[in-house]
C-alpha atoms as a PDB file:
ATOM      1  CA  MET A   1     -14.793 -10.663  -6.366  1.00  0.00           C
ATOM      2  CA  LEU A   2     -12.201 -12.572  -4.370  1.00  0.00           C
ATOM      3  CA  PRO A   3      -8.738 -11.094  -3.939  1.00  0.00           C
ATOM      4  CA  LYS A   4      -6.868 -11.656  -7.186  1.00  0.00           C
ATOM      5  CA  GLY A   5      -3.223 -11.483  -8.201  1.00  0.00           C
ATOM      6  CA  VAL A   6      -1.833 -11.157 -11.719  1.00  0.00           C
ATOM      7  CA  LEU A   7       1.523 -10.454 -13.350  1.00  0.00           C
ATOM      8  CA  ILE A   8       1.742  -7.451 -15.681  1.00  0.00           C
ATOM      9  CA  SER A   9       4.402  -5.459 -17.495  1.00  0.00           C
ATOM     10  CA  LYS A  10       4.199  -1.643 -17.549  1.00  0.00           C
ATOM     11  CA  LEU A  11       6.767   0.837 -18.826  1.00  0.00           C
ATOM     12  CA  GLY A  12       9.469  -1.820 -18.914  1.00  0.00           C
ATOM     13  CA  THR A  13       8.908  -3.042 -15.340  1.00  0.00           C
ATOM     14  CA  ASN A  14       7.342  -6.341 -14.317  1.00  0.00           C
ATOM     15  CA  TRP A  15       4.728  -6.053 -11.577  1.00  0.00           C
ATOM     16  CA  MET A  16       2.599  -8.327  -9.478  1.00  0.00           C
ATOM     17  CA  GLU A  17      -0.835  -6.765  -8.986  1.00  0.00           C
ATOM     18  CA  TYR A  18      -3.247  -7.576  -6.177  1.00  0.00           C
ATOM     19  CA  ALA A  19      -6.900  -6.486  -6.372  1.00  0.00           C
ATOM     20  CA  TYR A  20      -9.391  -6.718  -3.532  1.00  0.00           C
ATOM     21  CA  ARG A  21     -12.724  -5.285  -2.331  1.00  0.00           C
ATOM     22  CA  ARG A  22     -12.782  -2.538   0.288  1.00  0.00           C
ATOM     23  CA  ARG A  23     -15.790  -1.094   2.100  1.00  0.00           C
ATOM     24  CA  SER A  24     -16.489   2.448   0.908  1.00  0.00           C
ATOM     25  CA  ASP A  25     -17.022   3.527   4.521  1.00  0.00           C
ATOM     26  CA  TYR A  26     -13.832   1.880   5.823  1.00  0.00           C
ATOM     27  CA  GLU A  27     -12.500   5.046   7.442  1.00  0.00           C
ATOM     28  CA  ALA A  28     -15.768   5.770   9.303  1.00  0.00           C
ATOM     29  CA  ARG A  29     -15.711   2.172  10.582  1.00  0.00           C
ATOM     30  CA  GLY A  30     -12.103   2.471  11.748  1.00  0.00           C
ATOM     31  CA  LEU A  31     -10.798  -0.110   9.260  1.00  0.00           C
ATOM     32  CA  VAL A  32      -7.282  -0.080   7.853  1.00  0.00           C
ATOM     33  CA  TYR A  33      -6.447  -2.186   4.776  1.00  0.00           C
ATOM     34  CA  THR A  34      -2.742  -2.927   4.221  1.00  0.00           C
ATOM     35  CA  VAL A  35      -1.240  -4.970   1.399  1.00  0.00           C
ATOM     36  CA  GLN A  36       1.964  -6.641   2.536  1.00  0.00           C
ATOM     37  CA  THR A  37       4.657  -8.680   0.770  1.00  0.00           C
ATOM     38  CA  THR A  38       7.312 -11.232   1.605  1.00  0.00           C
ATOM     39  CA  THR A  39       9.763 -13.376  -0.332  1.00  0.00           C
ATOM     40  CA  ASN A  40       9.776 -16.151   2.267  1.00  0.00           C
ATOM     41  CA  LEU A  41       6.659 -17.661   3.838  1.00  0.00           C
ATOM     42  CA  VAL A  42       8.684 -19.499   6.476  1.00  0.00           C
ATOM     43  CA  SER A  43      10.127 -16.313   8.017  1.00  0.00           C
ATOM     44  CA  ASN A  44       6.688 -14.684   8.432  1.00  0.00           C
ATOM     45  CA  ASP A  45       8.428 -11.348   7.712  1.00  0.00           C
ATOM     46  CA  TRP A  46       5.668  -9.294   6.050  1.00  0.00           C
ATOM     47  CA  ASN A  47       5.942  -5.576   5.229  1.00  0.00           C
ATOM     48  CA  ALA A  48       4.333  -2.927   3.033  1.00  0.00           C
ATOM     49  CA  SER A  49       7.639  -1.653   1.640  1.00  0.00           C
ATOM     50  CA  GLY A  50       7.505  -1.181  -2.124  1.00  0.00           C
ATOM     51  CA  VAL A  51       3.721  -1.661  -2.410  1.00  0.00           C
ATOM     52  CA  VAL A  52       2.261   0.913  -4.833  1.00  0.00           C
ATOM     53  CA  ASP A  53      -1.383   2.036  -4.967  1.00  0.00           C
ATOM     54  CA  ALA A  54      -2.418   1.441  -8.580  1.00  0.00           C
ATOM     55  CA  GLY A  55      -5.950   2.820  -8.219  1.00  0.00           C
ATOM     56  CA  SER A  56      -9.434   2.222  -6.904  1.00  0.00           C
ATOM     57  CA  GLY A  57     -13.032   2.697  -7.953  1.00  0.00           C
ATOM     58  CA  PRO A  58     -16.579   1.751  -7.010  1.00  0.00           C
ATOM     59  CA  ILE A  59     -17.896  -1.747  -7.810  1.00  0.00           C
ATOM     60  CA  VAL A  60     -21.378  -1.480  -6.304  1.00  0.00           C
ATOM     61  CA  ALA A  61     -22.900   0.707  -3.601  1.00  0.00           C
ATOM     62  CA  GLY A  62     -20.754   0.350  -0.500  1.00  0.00           C
ATOM     63  CA  LEU A  63     -17.789  -1.468  -2.108  1.00  0.00           C
ATOM     64  CA  ASP A  64     -14.706  -0.310  -3.984  1.00  0.00           C
ATOM     65  CA  SER A  65     -12.211  -2.327  -5.983  1.00  0.00           C
ATOM     66  CA  VAL A  66      -8.627  -1.494  -4.953  1.00  0.00           C
ATOM     67  CA  THR A  67      -5.503  -2.505  -6.880  1.00  0.00           C
ATOM     68  CA  ASN A  68      -1.975  -2.468  -5.474  1.00  0.00           C
ATOM     69  CA  ARG A  69       1.207  -3.591  -7.171  1.00  0.00           C
ATOM     70  CA  VAL A  70       4.775  -4.478  -6.322  1.00  0.00           C
ATOM     71  CA  SER A  71       7.775  -4.762  -8.634  1.00  0.00           C
ATOM     72  CA  THR A  72       9.015  -8.290  -9.279  1.00  0.00           C
ATOM     73  CA  GLU A  73      12.353  -7.144 -10.694  1.00  0.00           C
ATOM     74  CA  GLY A  74      15.200  -9.249  -9.277  1.00  0.00           C
ATOM     75  CA  LEU A  75      12.906 -11.399  -7.118  1.00  0.00           C
ATOM     76  CA  PRO A  76      12.382 -15.028  -8.225  1.00  0.00           C
ATOM     77  CA  GLU A  77       9.333 -15.415  -5.964  1.00  0.00           C
ATOM     78  CA  GLN A  78       7.151 -13.089  -3.964  1.00  0.00           C
ATOM     79  CA  PHE A  79       3.928 -13.361  -1.984  1.00  0.00           C
ATOM     80  CA  MET A  80       1.252 -10.787  -1.186  1.00  0.00           C
ATOM     81  CA  ARG A  81      -1.475 -10.664   1.432  1.00  0.00           C
ATOM     82  CA  LEU A  82      -4.144  -8.260   2.591  1.00  0.00           C
ATOM     83  CA  ARG A  83      -4.230  -7.343   6.274  1.00  0.00           C
ATOM     84  CA  VAL A  84      -7.414  -5.720   7.579  1.00  0.00           C
ATOM     85  CA  GLU A  85      -7.347  -4.137  11.030  1.00  0.00           C
ATOM     86  CA  GLU A  86     -10.106  -2.560  13.068  1.00  0.00           C
ATOM     87  CA  TYR A  87      -9.405   0.190  15.573  1.00  0.00           C
ATOM     88  CA  GLY A  88     -12.353   0.033  17.975  1.00  0.00           C
ATOM     89  CA  ASP A  89     -10.752   1.832  20.889  1.00  0.00           C
ATOM     90  CA  SER A  90      -7.193   3.046  21.266  1.00  0.00           C
ATOM     91  CA  SER A  91      -6.228   0.264  23.690  1.00  0.00           C
ATOM     92  CA  ARG A  92      -6.796  -2.661  21.357  1.00  0.00           C
ATOM     93  CA  MET A  93      -6.663  -3.626  17.742  1.00  0.00           C
ATOM     94  CA  ARG A  94      -8.322  -6.569  16.082  1.00  0.00           C
ATOM     95  CA  GLY A  95      -7.139  -7.855  12.742  1.00  0.00           C
ATOM     96  CA  PHE A  96      -7.257 -10.695  10.316  1.00  0.00           C
ATOM     97  CA  ASP A  97      -5.288 -11.591   7.232  1.00  0.00           C
ATOM     98  CA  GLN A  98      -6.417 -12.774   3.873  1.00  0.00           C
ATOM     99  CA  GLY A  99      -2.838 -14.041   3.790  1.00  0.00           C
ATOM    100  CA  ASP A 100      -4.105 -17.495   4.685  1.00  0.00           C
ATOM    101  CA  ARG A 101      -4.893 -17.665   0.987  1.00  0.00           C
ATOM    102  CA  ASN A 102      -1.302 -16.953  -0.082  1.00  0.00           C
ATOM    103  CA  GLU A 103      -0.679 -17.813  -3.669  1.00  0.00           C
ATOM    104  CA  GLU A 104       2.501 -17.598  -5.687  1.00  0.00           C
ATOM    105  CA  TYR A 105       2.171 -15.666  -8.967  1.00  0.00           C
END
């Protein structure tokens, strides 16, 4: 399962949902998964404001499917990405983005 975005309508609100796979042992491995949004790819101004956890559940042993959503009300375009960071020791942090695969939904 690759990260996937879809548009949905729930309780009168339009949402953009983003689903991705997360390791079941992410906390023990020191991993932090953060879904971020922006309305402008040029500004590179990403944040997690307004992102709602819509649920998660196991896919197979060791992997969970996680769904997050963000309201699209009043926003003509919006982009989402997944940032994964590893905290190995307290003096450094390594991370990568699945945001290189930005798609407009």
